[in-house]
């Protein structure tokens, strides 16, 4: 059971500049990376295969193919390390967790895009 005070503090820290992200969306996540005393932004682009938690604890798992290998990364949505998130494409899916995408390659790994009107 969460206290009202804790919910109030969390509500202040939830980011409002992040779009609504769901499983099946192709996203581009801009992540701040520190190397020594320098800071740069690295872009990670892929398919959201899972999301967990709610509120301040919400996180997503993004998967991409890189040089023939599958790379997955978990991002905390409200982290200050995330510069921004862009939704590139919205795909139609019927499951909450898309772990089956790990086994698919080529044409079988395609998803249908949701057409906007």
PDB file of N, CA and C in Angstrom:
ATOM      1  N   UNK A   1       0.844  -1.189   0.000  1.00  0.00           N
ATOM      2  CA  UNK A   1       0.000   0.000   0.000  1.00  0.00           C
ATOM      3  C   UNK A   1       0.886   1.248   0.000  1.00  0.00           C
ATOM      4  N   UNK A   2       0.677   2.115  -0.954  1.00  0.00           N
ATOM      5  CA  UNK A   2       1.472   3.329  -1.070  1.00  0.00           C
ATOM      6  C   UNK A   2       0.838   4.464  -0.279  1.00  0.00           C
ATOM      7  N   UNK A   3       1.684   5.281   0.320  1.00  0.00           N
ATOM      8  CA  UNK A   3       1.172   6.415   1.068  1.00  0.00           C
ATOM      9  C   UNK A   3       0.877   7.575   0.127  1.00  0.00           C
ATOM     10  N   UNK A   4       0.012   8.467   0.552  1.00  0.00           N
ATOM     11  CA  UNK A   4      -0.368   9.631  -0.255  1.00  0.00           C
ATOM     12  C   UNK A   4       0.836  10.546  -0.496  1.00  0.00           C
ATOM     13  N   UNK A   5       1.683  10.671   0.526  1.00  0.00           N
ATOM     14  CA  UNK A   5       2.854  11.530   0.410  1.00  0.00           C
ATOM     15  C   UNK A   5       3.812  11.000  -0.664  1.00  0.00           C
ATOM     16  N   UNK A   6       4.017   9.694  -0.683  1.00  0.00           N
ATOM     17  CA  UNK A   6       4.881   9.075  -1.680  1.00  0.00           C
ATOM     18  C   UNK A   6       4.317   9.265  -3.084  1.00  0.00           C
ATOM     19  N   UNK A   7       3.030   9.121  -3.235  1.00  0.00           N
ATOM     20  CA  UNK A   7       2.392   9.327  -4.544  1.00  0.00           C
ATOM     21  C   UNK A   7       2.528  10.770  -5.011  1.00  0.00           C
ATOM     22  N   UNK A   8       2.418  11.713  -4.083  1.00  0.00           N
ATOM     23  CA  UNK A   8       2.579  13.129  -4.426  1.00  0.00           C
ATOM     24  C   UNK A   8       3.984  13.427  -4.930  1.00  0.00           C
ATOM     25  N   UNK A   9       4.993  12.896  -4.246  1.00  0.00           N
ATOM     26  CA  UNK A   9       6.382  13.126  -4.641  1.00  0.00           C
ATOM     27  C   UNK A   9       6.648  12.494  -6.003  1.00  0.00           C
ATOM     28  N   UNK A  10       6.128  11.279  -6.227  1.00  0.00           N
ATOM     29  CA  UNK A  10       6.324  10.602  -7.509  1.00  0.00           C
ATOM     30  C   UNK A  10       5.643  11.355  -8.644  1.00  0.00           C
ATOM     31  N   UNK A  11       4.464  11.884  -8.401  1.00  0.00           N
ATOM     32  CA  UNK A  11       3.712  12.596  -9.441  1.00  0.00           C
ATOM     33  C   UNK A  11       4.484  13.814  -9.945  1.00  0.00           C
ATOM     34  N   UNK A  12       5.228  14.477  -9.055  1.00  0.00           N
ATOM     35  CA  UNK A  12       6.023  15.644  -9.445  1.00  0.00           C
ATOM     36  C   UNK A  12       7.186  15.251 -10.356  1.00  0.00           C
ATOM     37  N   UNK A  13       7.717  14.027 -10.189  1.00  0.00           N
ATOM     38  CA  UNK A  13       8.915  13.619 -10.909  1.00  0.00           C
ATOM     39  C   UNK A  13       8.637  12.865 -12.203  1.00  0.00           C
ATOM     40  N   UNK A  14       7.377  12.540 -12.482  1.00  0.00           N
ATOM     41  CA  UNK A  14       7.036  11.839 -13.715  1.00  0.00           C
ATOM     42  C   UNK A  14       7.179  12.810 -14.888  1.00  0.00           C
ATOM     43  N   UNK A  15       7.872  12.369 -15.930  1.00  0.00           N
ATOM     44  CA  UNK A  15       8.108  13.217 -17.100  1.00  0.00           C
ATOM     45  C   UNK A  15       6.866  13.287 -17.970  1.00  0.00           C
ATOM     46  N   UNK A  16       6.584  14.484 -18.454  1.00  0.00           N
ATOM     47  CA  UNK A  16       5.418  14.689 -19.310  1.00  0.00           C
ATOM     48  C   UNK A  16       5.811  14.860 -20.776  1.00  0.00           C
ATOM     49  N   UNK A  17       7.128  14.965 -21.053  1.00  0.00           N
ATOM     50  CA  UNK A  17       7.580  15.168 -22.428  1.00  0.00           C
ATOM     51  C   UNK A  17       7.736  13.855 -23.198  1.00  0.00           C
ATOM     52  N   UNK A  18       7.514  12.728 -22.541  1.00  0.00           N
ATOM     53  CA  UNK A  18       7.641  11.412 -23.172  1.00  0.00           C
ATOM     54  C   UNK A  18       6.274  10.989 -23.724  1.00  0.00           C
ATOM     55  N   UNK A  19       6.205  10.554 -24.987  1.00  0.00           N
ATOM     56  CA  UNK A  19       4.911  10.131 -25.553  1.00  0.00           C
ATOM     57  C   UNK A  19       4.442   8.799 -24.974  1.00  0.00           C
ATOM     58  N   UNK A  20       3.188   8.462 -25.219  1.00  0.00           N
ATOM     59  CA  UNK A  20       2.638   7.180 -24.790  1.00  0.00           C
ATOM     60  C   UNK A  20       3.308   6.079 -25.600  1.00  0.00           C
ATOM     61  N   UNK A  21       3.921   5.116 -24.916  1.00  0.00           N
ATOM     62  CA  UNK A  21       4.667   4.049 -25.585  1.00  0.00           C
ATOM     63  C   UNK A  21       4.061   2.713 -25.209  1.00  0.00           C
ATOM     64  N   UNK A  22       3.806   1.887 -26.227  1.00  0.00           N
ATOM     65  CA  UNK A  22       3.226   0.569 -26.010  1.00  0.00           C
ATOM     66  C   UNK A  22       4.038  -0.488 -26.733  1.00  0.00           C
ATOM     67  N   UNK A  23       3.727  -1.745 -26.433  1.00  0.00           N
ATOM     68  CA  UNK A  23       4.379  -2.851 -27.106  1.00  0.00           C
ATOM     69  C   UNK A  23       4.020  -2.812 -28.587  1.00  0.00           C
ATOM     70  N   UNK A  24       4.985  -3.123 -29.434  1.00  0.00           N
ATOM     71  CA  UNK A  24       4.756  -3.106 -30.869  1.00  0.00           C
ATOM     72  C   UNK A  24       5.147  -1.802 -31.531  1.00  0.00           C
ATOM     73  N   UNK A  25       5.457  -0.778 -30.773  1.00  0.00           N
ATOM     74  CA  UNK A  25       5.880   0.496 -31.357  1.00  0.00           C
ATOM     75  C   UNK A  25       7.364   0.436 -31.698  1.00  0.00           C
ATOM     76  N   UNK A  26       7.736   1.017 -32.834  1.00  0.00           N
ATOM     77  CA  UNK A  26       9.138   1.221 -33.144  1.00  0.00           C
ATOM     78  C   UNK A  26       9.508   2.590 -32.606  1.00  0.00           C
ATOM     79  N   UNK A  27      10.532   2.640 -31.772  1.00  0.00           N
ATOM     80  CA  UNK A  27      10.907   3.893 -31.123  1.00  0.00           C
ATOM     81  C   UNK A  27      12.379   4.190 -31.343  1.00  0.00           C
ATOM     82  N   UNK A  28      12.705   5.458 -31.191  1.00  0.00           N
ATOM     83  CA  UNK A  28      14.083   5.930 -31.234  1.00  0.00           C
ATOM     84  C   UNK A  28      14.342   6.596 -29.884  1.00  0.00           C
ATOM     85  N   UNK A  29      15.222   5.978 -29.071  1.00  0.00           N
ATOM     86  CA  UNK A  29      15.514   6.475 -27.723  1.00  0.00           C
ATOM     87  C   UNK A  29      16.864   7.190 -27.754  1.00  0.00           C
ATOM     88  N   UNK A  30      16.864   8.448 -27.338  1.00  0.00           N
ATOM     89  CA  UNK A  30      18.095   9.240 -27.269  1.00  0.00           C
ATOM     90  C   UNK A  30      18.604   9.175 -25.830  1.00  0.00           C
ATOM     91  N   UNK A  31      19.774   8.552 -25.648  1.00  0.00           N
ATOM     92  CA  UNK A  31      20.313   8.308 -24.313  1.00  0.00           C
ATOM     93  C   UNK A  31      21.581   9.129 -24.115  1.00  0.00           C
ATOM     94  N   UNK A  32      21.682   9.781 -22.958  1.00  0.00           N
ATOM     95  CA  UNK A  32      22.899  10.520 -22.617  1.00  0.00           C
ATOM     96  C   UNK A  32      23.941   9.531 -22.106  1.00  0.00           C
ATOM     97  N   UNK A  33      25.148   9.609 -22.673  1.00  0.00           N
ATOM     98  CA  UNK A  33      26.226   8.715 -22.264  1.00  0.00           C
ATOM     99  C   UNK A  33      27.413   9.563 -21.824  1.00  0.00           C
ATOM    100  N   UNK A  34      27.957   9.242 -20.634  1.00  0.00           N
ATOM    101  CA  UNK A  34      29.119   9.967 -20.128  1.00  0.00           C
ATOM    102  C   UNK A  34      30.366   9.146 -20.384  1.00  0.00           C
ATOM    103  N   UNK A  35      31.345   9.781 -21.013  1.00  0.00           N
ATOM    104  CA  UNK A  35      32.643   9.162 -21.240  1.00  0.00           C
ATOM    105  C   UNK A  35      33.693  10.096 -20.665  1.00  0.00           C
ATOM    106  N   UNK A  36      34.168   9.760 -19.497  1.00  0.00           N
ATOM    107  CA  UNK A  36      35.117  10.643 -18.817  1.00  0.00           C
ATOM    108  C   UNK A  36      34.407  11.913 -18.390  1.00  0.00           C
ATOM    109  N   UNK A  37      34.902  13.063 -18.860  1.00  0.00           N
ATOM    110  CA  UNK A  37      34.257  14.328 -18.527  1.00  0.00           C
ATOM    111  C   UNK A  37      33.380  14.833 -19.661  1.00  0.00           C
ATOM    112  N   UNK A  38      33.291  14.053 -20.756  1.00  0.00           N
ATOM    113  CA  UNK A  38      32.454  14.445 -21.890  1.00  0.00           C
ATOM    114  C   UNK A  38      31.112  13.726 -21.833  1.00  0.00           C
ATOM    115  N   UNK A  39      30.112  14.348 -22.433  1.00  0.00           N
ATOM    116  CA  UNK A  39      28.786  13.746 -22.505  1.00  0.00           C
ATOM    117  C   UNK A  39      28.288  13.826 -23.941  1.00  0.00           C
ATOM    118  N   UNK A  40      27.710  12.717 -24.421  1.00  0.00           N
ATOM    119  CA  UNK A  40      27.170  12.698 -25.773  1.00  0.00           C
ATOM    120  C   UNK A  40      25.831  11.981 -25.754  1.00  0.00           C
ATOM    121  N   UNK A  41      25.112  12.078 -26.870  1.00  0.00           N
ATOM    122  CA  UNK A  41      23.815  11.416 -26.979  1.00  0.00           C
ATOM    123  C   UNK A  41      23.933  10.286 -27.985  1.00  0.00           C
ATOM    124  N   UNK A  42      23.522   9.102 -27.559  1.00  0.00           N
ATOM    125  CA  UNK A  42      23.535   7.921 -28.420  1.00  0.00           C
ATOM    126  C   UNK A  42      22.090   7.531 -28.703  1.00  0.00           C
ATOM    127  N   UNK A  43      21.801   7.187 -29.947  1.00  0.00           N
ATOM    128  CA  UNK A  43      20.443   6.835 -30.353  1.00  0.00           C
ATOM    129  C   UNK A  43      20.325   5.314 -30.433  1.00  0.00           C
ATOM    130  N   UNK A  44      19.285   4.775 -29.794  1.00  0.00           N
ATOM    131  CA  UNK A  44      18.995   3.338 -29.845  1.00  0.00           C
ATOM    132  C   UNK A  44      17.611   3.196 -30.458  1.00  0.00           C
ATOM    133  N   UNK A  45      17.547   2.580 -31.640  1.00  0.00           N
ATOM    134  CA  UNK A  45      16.288   2.482 -32.363  1.00  0.00           C
ATOM    135  C   UNK A  45      15.876   1.030 -32.495  1.00  0.00           C
ATOM    136  N   UNK A  46      14.626   0.718 -32.110  1.00  0.00           N
ATOM    137  CA  UNK A  46      14.167  -0.658 -32.215  1.00  0.00           C
ATOM    138  C   UNK A  46      12.701  -0.807 -31.856  1.00  0.00           C
ATOM    139  N   UNK A  47      12.294  -2.057 -31.674  1.00  0.00           N
ATOM    140  CA  UNK A  47      10.910  -2.431 -31.383  1.00  0.00           C
ATOM    141  C   UNK A  47      10.720  -2.610 -29.882  1.00  0.00           C
ATOM    142  N   UNK A  48       9.654  -2.035 -29.333  1.00  0.00           N
ATOM    143  CA  UNK A  48       9.334  -2.230 -27.924  1.00  0.00           C
ATOM    144  C   UNK A  48       8.687  -3.605 -27.794  1.00  0.00           C
ATOM    145  N   UNK A  49       9.375  -4.526 -27.095  1.00  0.00           N
ATOM    146  CA  UNK A  49       8.830  -5.876 -26.970  1.00  0.00           C
ATOM    147  C   UNK A  49       8.175  -6.108 -25.615  1.00  0.00           C
ATOM    148  N   UNK A  50       8.407  -5.223 -24.647  1.00  0.00           N
ATOM    149  CA  UNK A  50       7.779  -5.383 -23.336  1.00  0.00           C
ATOM    150  C   UNK A  50       7.807  -4.059 -22.588  1.00  0.00           C
ATOM    151  N   UNK A  51       6.847  -3.875 -21.699  1.00  0.00           N
ATOM    152  CA  UNK A  51       6.865  -2.735 -20.781  1.00  0.00           C
ATOM    153  C   UNK A  51       6.456  -3.232 -19.405  1.00  0.00           C
ATOM    154  N   UNK A  52       7.039  -2.630 -18.391  1.00  0.00           N
ATOM    155  CA  UNK A  52       6.813  -3.067 -17.020  1.00  0.00           C
ATOM    156  C   UNK A  52       6.524  -1.863 -16.145  1.00  0.00           C
ATOM    157  N   UNK A  53       5.874  -2.107 -15.030  1.00  0.00           N
ATOM    158  CA  UNK A  53       5.670  -1.087 -14.013  1.00  0.00           C
ATOM    159  C   UNK A  53       4.693  -0.013 -14.431  1.00  0.00           C
ATOM    160  N   UNK A  54       4.527   0.938 -13.544  1.00  0.00           N
ATOM    161  CA  UNK A  54       3.664   2.083 -13.817  1.00  0.00           C
ATOM    162  C   UNK A  54       4.174   3.279 -13.047  1.00  0.00           C
ATOM    163  N   UNK A  55       3.740   4.437 -13.476  1.00  0.00           N
ATOM    164  CA  UNK A  55       4.153   5.663 -12.800  1.00  0.00           C
ATOM    165  C   UNK A  55       5.639   5.924 -12.969  1.00  0.00           C
ATOM    166  N   UNK A  56       6.303   6.210 -11.867  1.00  0.00           N
ATOM    167  CA  UNK A  56       7.722   6.550 -11.905  1.00  0.00           C
ATOM    168  C   UNK A  56       8.597   5.337 -12.209  1.00  0.00           C
ATOM    169  N   UNK A  57       8.071   4.134 -11.975  1.00  0.00           N
ATOM    170  CA  UNK A  57       8.849   2.908 -12.167  1.00  0.00           C
ATOM    171  C   UNK A  57       8.670   2.285 -13.542  1.00  0.00           C
ATOM    172  N   UNK A  58       8.013   2.970 -14.464  1.00  0.00           N
ATOM    173  CA  UNK A  58       7.749   2.394 -15.783  1.00  0.00           C
ATOM    174  C   UNK A  58       9.043   2.235 -16.575  1.00  0.00           C
ATOM    175  N   UNK A  59       9.195   1.048 -17.184  1.00  0.00           N
ATOM    176  CA  UNK A  59      10.354   0.795 -18.033  1.00  0.00           C
ATOM    177  C   UNK A  59       9.927  -0.002 -19.258  1.00  0.00           C
ATOM    178  N   UNK A  60      10.740   0.084 -20.316  1.00  0.00           N
ATOM    179  CA  UNK A  60      10.442  -0.628 -21.554  1.00  0.00           C
ATOM    180  C   UNK A  60      11.678  -1.407 -21.992  1.00  0.00           C
ATOM    181  N   UNK A  61      11.450  -2.501 -22.704  1.00  0.00           N
ATOM    182  CA  UNK A  61      12.532  -3.256 -23.312  1.00  0.00           C
ATOM    183  C   UNK A  61      12.466  -3.024 -24.808  1.00  0.00           C
ATOM    184  N   UNK A  62      13.569  -2.541 -25.381  1.00  0.00           N
ATOM    185  CA  UNK A  62      13.643  -2.246 -26.808  1.00  0.00           C
ATOM    186  C   UNK A  62      14.638  -3.219 -27.444  1.00  0.00           C
ATOM    187  N   UNK A  63      14.226  -3.805 -28.566  1.00  0.00           N
ATOM    188  CA  UNK A  63      15.056  -4.786 -29.266  1.00  0.00           C
ATOM    189  C   UNK A  63      15.375  -4.303 -30.678  1.00  0.00           C
ATOM    190  N   UNK A  64      16.619  -4.504 -31.081  1.00  0.00           N
ATOM    191  CA  UNK A  64      17.020  -4.191 -32.451  1.00  0.00           C
ATOM    192  C   UNK A  64      17.987  -5.264 -32.942  1.00  0.00           C
ATOM    193  N   UNK A  65      18.099  -5.374 -34.256  1.00  0.00           N
ATOM    194  CA  UNK A  65      19.069  -6.275 -34.873  1.00  0.00           C
ATOM    195  C   UNK A  65      20.289  -5.431 -35.229  1.00  0.00           C
ATOM    196  N   UNK A  66      21.461  -5.871 -34.776  1.00  0.00           N
ATOM    197  CA  UNK A  66      22.683  -5.138 -35.068  1.00  0.00           C
ATOM    198  C   UNK A  66      23.733  -6.117 -35.585  1.00  0.00           C
ATOM    199  N   UNK A  67      24.064  -5.995 -36.868  1.00  0.00           N
ATOM    200  CA  UNK A  67      25.035  -6.867 -37.517  1.00  0.00           C
ATOM    201  C   UNK A  67      24.678  -8.344 -37.348  1.00  0.00           C
ATOM    202  N   UNK A  68      23.397  -8.664 -37.492  1.00  0.00           N
ATOM    203  CA  UNK A  68      22.948 -10.044 -37.417  1.00  0.00           C
ATOM    204  C   UNK A  68      22.702 -10.560 -36.015  1.00  0.00           C
ATOM    205  N   UNK A  69      22.983  -9.767 -35.004  1.00  0.00           N
ATOM    206  CA  UNK A  69      22.748 -10.161 -33.617  1.00  0.00           C
ATOM    207  C   UNK A  69      21.606  -9.340 -33.032  1.00  0.00           C
ATOM    208  N   UNK A  70      20.783  -9.965 -32.217  1.00  0.00           N
ATOM    209  CA  UNK A  70      19.712  -9.244 -31.535  1.00  0.00           C
ATOM    210  C   UNK A  70      20.256  -8.557 -30.296  1.00  0.00           C
ATOM    211  N   UNK A  71      19.965  -7.273 -30.162  1.00  0.00           N
ATOM    212  CA  UNK A  71      20.408  -6.499 -29.002  1.00  0.00           C
ATOM    213  C   UNK A  71      19.176  -5.954 -28.299  1.00  0.00           C
ATOM    214  N   UNK A  72      19.061  -6.224 -27.000  1.00  0.00           N
ATOM    215  CA  UNK A  72      17.943  -5.711 -26.212  1.00  0.00           C
ATOM    216  C   UNK A  72      18.476  -4.814 -25.114  1.00  0.00           C
ATOM    217  N   UNK A  73      17.723  -3.772 -24.845  1.00  0.00           N
ATOM    218  CA  UNK A  73      18.119  -2.837 -23.803  1.00  0.00           C
ATOM    219  C   UNK A  73      16.876  -2.409 -23.029  1.00  0.00           C
ATOM    220  N   UNK A  74      17.002  -2.316 -21.720  1.00  0.00           N
ATOM    221  CA  UNK A  74      15.889  -1.894 -20.866  1.00  0.00           C
ATOM    222  C   UNK A  74      16.116  -0.437 -20.488  1.00  0.00           C
ATOM    223  N   UNK A  75      15.083   0.370 -20.688  1.00  0.00           N
ATOM    224  CA  UNK A  75      15.155   1.795 -20.367  1.00  0.00           C
ATOM    225  C   UNK A  75      14.115   2.151 -19.321  1.00  0.00           C
ATOM    226  N   UNK A  76      14.514   2.911 -18.311  1.00  0.00           N
ATOM    227  CA  UNK A  76      13.577   3.514 -17.368  1.00  0.00           C
ATOM    228  C   UNK A  76      13.060   4.780 -18.034  1.00  0.00           C
ATOM    229  N   UNK A  77      11.753   4.850 -18.221  1.00  0.00           N
ATOM    230  CA  UNK A  77      11.145   5.966 -18.957  1.00  0.00           C
ATOM    231  C   UNK A  77      11.416   7.314 -18.293  1.00  0.00           C
ATOM    232  N   UNK A  78      11.371   7.368 -16.971  1.00  0.00           N
ATOM    233  CA  UNK A  78      11.511   8.637 -16.256  1.00  0.00           C
ATOM    234  C   UNK A  78      12.946   8.957 -15.851  1.00  0.00           C
ATOM    235  N   UNK A  79      13.908   8.232 -16.391  1.00  0.00           N
ATOM    236  CA  UNK A  79      15.306   8.449 -16.051  1.00  0.00           C
ATOM    237  C   UNK A  79      15.818   9.771 -16.630  1.00  0.00           C
ATOM    238  N   UNK A  80      16.659  10.483 -15.878  1.00  0.00           N
ATOM    239  CA  UNK A  80      17.246  11.706 -16.428  1.00  0.00           C
ATOM    240  C   UNK A  80      18.276  11.411 -17.521  1.00  0.00           C
ATOM    241  N   UNK A  81      18.704  10.157 -17.664  1.00  0.00           N
ATOM    242  CA  UNK A  81      19.652   9.796 -18.718  1.00  0.00           C
ATOM    243  C   UNK A  81      19.002   9.755 -20.088  1.00  0.00           C
ATOM    244  N   UNK A  82      17.676   9.665 -20.137  1.00  0.00           N
ATOM    245  CA  UNK A  82      16.976   9.652 -21.418  1.00  0.00           C
ATOM    246  C   UNK A  82      16.697  11.089 -21.833  1.00  0.00           C
ATOM    247  N   UNK A  83      17.272  11.461 -22.970  1.00  0.00           N
ATOM    248  CA  UNK A  83      17.094  12.813 -23.490  1.00  0.00           C
ATOM    249  C   UNK A  83      15.708  12.972 -24.101  1.00  0.00           C
ATOM    250  N   UNK A  84      15.340  12.023 -24.983  1.00  0.00           N
ATOM    251  CA  UNK A  84      14.005  12.058 -25.579  1.00  0.00           C
ATOM    252  C   UNK A  84      13.688  10.694 -26.182  1.00  0.00           C
ATOM    253  N   UNK A  85      12.413  10.484 -26.467  1.00  0.00           N
ATOM    254  CA  UNK A  85      11.950   9.258 -27.113  1.00  0.00           C
ATOM    255  C   UNK A  85      11.019   9.664 -28.248  1.00  0.00           C
ATOM    256  N   UNK A  86      11.281   9.140 -29.444  1.00  0.00           N
ATOM    257  CA  UNK A  86      10.424   9.396 -30.601  1.00  0.00           C
ATOM    258  C   UNK A  86       9.731   8.100 -30.988  1.00  0.00           C
ATOM    259  N   UNK A  87       8.446   8.186 -31.283  1.00  0.00           N
ATOM    260  CA  UNK A  87       7.728   7.030 -31.822  1.00  0.00           C
ATOM    261  C   UNK A  87       7.819   7.131 -33.335  1.00  0.00           C
ATOM    262  N   UNK A  88       8.425   6.125 -33.962  1.00  0.00           N
ATOM    263  CA  UNK A  88       8.614   6.123 -35.403  1.00  0.00           C
ATOM    264  C   UNK A  88       7.423   5.483 -36.098  1.00  0.00           C
ATOM    265  N   UNK A  89       6.966   4.379 -35.543  1.00  0.00           N
ATOM    266  CA  UNK A  89       5.922   3.584 -36.189  1.00  0.00           C
ATOM    267  C   UNK A  89       5.104   2.863 -35.138  1.00  0.00           C
ATOM    268  N   UNK A  90       3.797   2.789 -35.357  1.00  0.00           N
ATOM    269  CA  UNK A  90       2.904   2.075 -34.445  1.00  0.00           C
ATOM    270  C   UNK A  90       2.429   0.813 -35.153  1.00  0.00           C
ATOM    271  N   UNK A  91       2.741  -0.351 -34.575  1.00  0.00           N
ATOM    272  CA  UNK A  91       2.374  -1.625 -35.173  1.00  0.00           C
ATOM    273  C   UNK A  91       1.235  -2.279 -34.405  1.00  0.00           C
ATOM    274  N   UNK A  92       0.430  -3.048 -35.122  1.00  0.00           N
ATOM    275  CA  UNK A  92      -0.700  -3.746 -34.521  1.00  0.00           C
ATOM    276  C   UNK A  92      -0.203  -5.066 -33.936  1.00  0.00           C
ATOM    277  N   UNK A  93      -0.371  -5.238 -32.629  1.00  0.00           N
ATOM    278  CA  UNK A  93       0.002  -6.482 -31.956  1.00  0.00           C
ATOM    279  C   UNK A  93      -1.132  -6.932 -31.067  1.00  0.00           C
ATOM    280  N   UNK A  94      -1.147  -8.219 -30.751  1.00  0.00           N
ATOM    281  CA  UNK A  94      -2.240  -8.762 -29.940  1.00  0.00           C
ATOM    282  C   UNK A  94      -1.749  -9.343 -28.619  1.00  0.00           C
ATOM    283  N   UNK A  95      -0.531  -9.051 -28.272  1.00  0.00           N
ATOM    284  CA  UNK A  95       0.032  -9.569 -27.021  1.00  0.00           C
ATOM    285  C   UNK A  95       0.704  -8.450 -26.242  1.00  0.00           C
ATOM    286  N   UNK A  96       0.863  -8.674 -24.947  1.00  0.00           N
ATOM    287  CA  UNK A  96       1.508  -7.687 -24.091  1.00  0.00           C
ATOM    288  C   UNK A  96       3.028  -7.831 -24.113  1.00  0.00           C
ATOM    289  N   UNK A  97       3.517  -9.042 -24.313  1.00  0.00           N
ATOM    290  CA  UNK A  97       4.955  -9.290 -24.372  1.00  0.00           C
ATOM    291  C   UNK A  97       5.275  -9.935 -25.716  1.00  0.00           C
ATOM    292  N   UNK A  98       6.191  -9.360 -26.439  1.00  0.00           N
ATOM    293  CA  UNK A  98       6.499  -9.827 -27.791  1.00  0.00           C
ATOM    294  C   UNK A  98       7.812 -10.611 -27.827  1.00  0.00           C
ATOM    295  N   UNK A  99       8.015 -11.499 -26.864  1.00  0.00           N
ATOM    296  CA  UNK A  99       9.252 -12.265 -26.794  1.00  0.00           C
ATOM    297  C   UNK A  99       9.419 -13.202 -27.980  1.00  0.00           C
ATOM    298  N   UNK A 100       8.327 -13.554 -28.644  1.00  0.00           N
ATOM    299  CA  UNK A 100       8.413 -14.436 -29.807  1.00  0.00           C
ATOM    300  C   UNK A 100       9.168 -13.783 -30.969  1.00  0.00           C
ATOM    301  N   UNK A 101       9.307 -12.476 -30.944  1.00  0.00           N
ATOM    302  CA  UNK A 101      10.040 -11.761 -32.004  1.00  0.00           C
ATOM    303  C   UNK A 101      11.532 -12.122 -31.982  1.00  0.00           C
ATOM    304  N   UNK A 102      12.026 -12.637 -30.862  1.00  0.00           N
ATOM    305  CA  UNK A 102      13.427 -13.024 -30.761  1.00  0.00           C
ATOM    306  C   UNK A 102      13.768 -14.155 -31.728  1.00  0.00           C
ATOM    307  N   UNK A 103      12.803 -15.017 -32.002  1.00  0.00           N
ATOM    308  CA  UNK A 103      13.042 -16.182 -32.850  1.00  0.00           C
ATOM    309  C   UNK A 103      12.778 -15.916 -34.330  1.00  0.00           C
ATOM    310  N   UNK A 104      12.188 -14.779 -34.670  1.00  0.00           N
ATOM    311  CA  UNK A 104      11.804 -14.517 -36.053  1.00  0.00           C
ATOM    312  C   UNK A 104      12.877 -13.731 -36.795  1.00  0.00           C
ATOM    313  N   UNK A 105      13.034 -14.035 -38.074  1.00  0.00           N
ATOM    314  CA  UNK A 105      13.992 -13.334 -38.926  1.00  0.00           C
ATOM    315  C   UNK A 105      13.324 -12.981 -40.246  1.00  0.00           C
ATOM    316  N   UNK A 106      13.799 -11.970 -40.916  1.00  0.00           N
ATOM    317  CA  UNK A 106      13.341 -11.631 -42.257  1.00  0.00           C
ATOM    318  C   UNK A 106      11.880 -11.237 -42.346  1.00  0.00           C
ATOM    319  N   UNK A 107      11.203 -11.801 -43.366  1.00  0.00           N
ATOM    320  CA  UNK A 107       9.815 -11.421 -43.621  1.00  0.00           C
ATOM    321  C   UNK A 107       8.870 -11.837 -42.501  1.00  0.00           C
ATOM    322  N   UNK A 108       9.168 -12.919 -41.818  1.00  0.00           N
ATOM    323  CA  UNK A 108       8.279 -13.379 -40.741  1.00  0.00           C
ATOM    324  C   UNK A 108       8.312 -12.443 -39.530  1.00  0.00           C
ATOM    325  N   UNK A 109       9.312 -11.583 -39.450  1.00  0.00           N
ATOM    326  CA  UNK A 109       9.441 -10.659 -38.326  1.00  0.00           C
ATOM    327  C   UNK A 109       8.728  -9.333 -38.568  1.00  0.00           C
ATOM    328  N   UNK A 110       7.991  -9.234 -39.687  1.00  0.00           N
ATOM    329  CA  UNK A 110       7.288  -7.977 -39.972  1.00  0.00           C
ATOM    330  C   UNK A 110       5.993  -7.888 -39.170  1.00  0.00           C
ATOM    331  N   UNK A 111       5.642  -6.668 -38.824  1.00  0.00           N
ATOM    332  CA  UNK A 111       4.374  -6.393 -38.135  1.00  0.00           C
ATOM    333  C   UNK A 111       3.571  -5.428 -38.973  1.00  0.00           C
ATOM    334  N   UNK A 112       2.234  -5.501 -38.866  1.00  0.00           N
ATOM    335  CA  UNK A 112       1.370  -4.579 -39.607  1.00  0.00           C
ATOM    336  C   UNK A 112       1.314  -3.234 -38.911  1.00  0.00           C
ATOM    337  N   UNK A 113       1.440  -2.191 -39.703  1.00  0.00           N
ATOM    338  CA  UNK A 113       1.396  -0.837 -39.149  1.00  0.00           C
ATOM    339  C   UNK A 113      -0.054  -0.408 -38.958  1.00  0.00           C
ATOM    340  N   UNK A 114      -0.294   0.339 -37.882  1.00  0.00           N
ATOM    341  CA  UNK A 114      -1.622   0.901 -37.626  1.00  0.00           C
ATOM    342  C   UNK A 114      -1.753   2.145 -38.487  1.00  0.00           C
ATOM    343  N   UNK A 115      -2.754   2.172 -39.337  1.00  0.00           N
ATOM    344  CA  UNK A 115      -2.969   3.316 -40.220  1.00  0.00           C
ATOM    345  C   UNK A 115      -3.671   4.428 -39.455  1.00  0.00           C
ATOM    346  N   UNK A 116      -3.139   5.632 -39.559  1.00  0.00           N
ATOM    347  CA  UNK A 116      -3.778   6.784 -38.939  1.00  0.00           C
ATOM    348  C   UNK A 116      -4.699   7.450 -39.931  1.00  0.00           C
ATOM    349  N   UNK A 117      -5.807   7.989 -39.435  1.00  0.00           N
ATOM    350  CA  UNK A 117      -6.766   8.653 -40.323  1.00  0.00           C
ATOM    351  C   UNK A 117      -6.607  10.141 -40.254  1.00  0.00           C
TER     352      UNK A 117
END
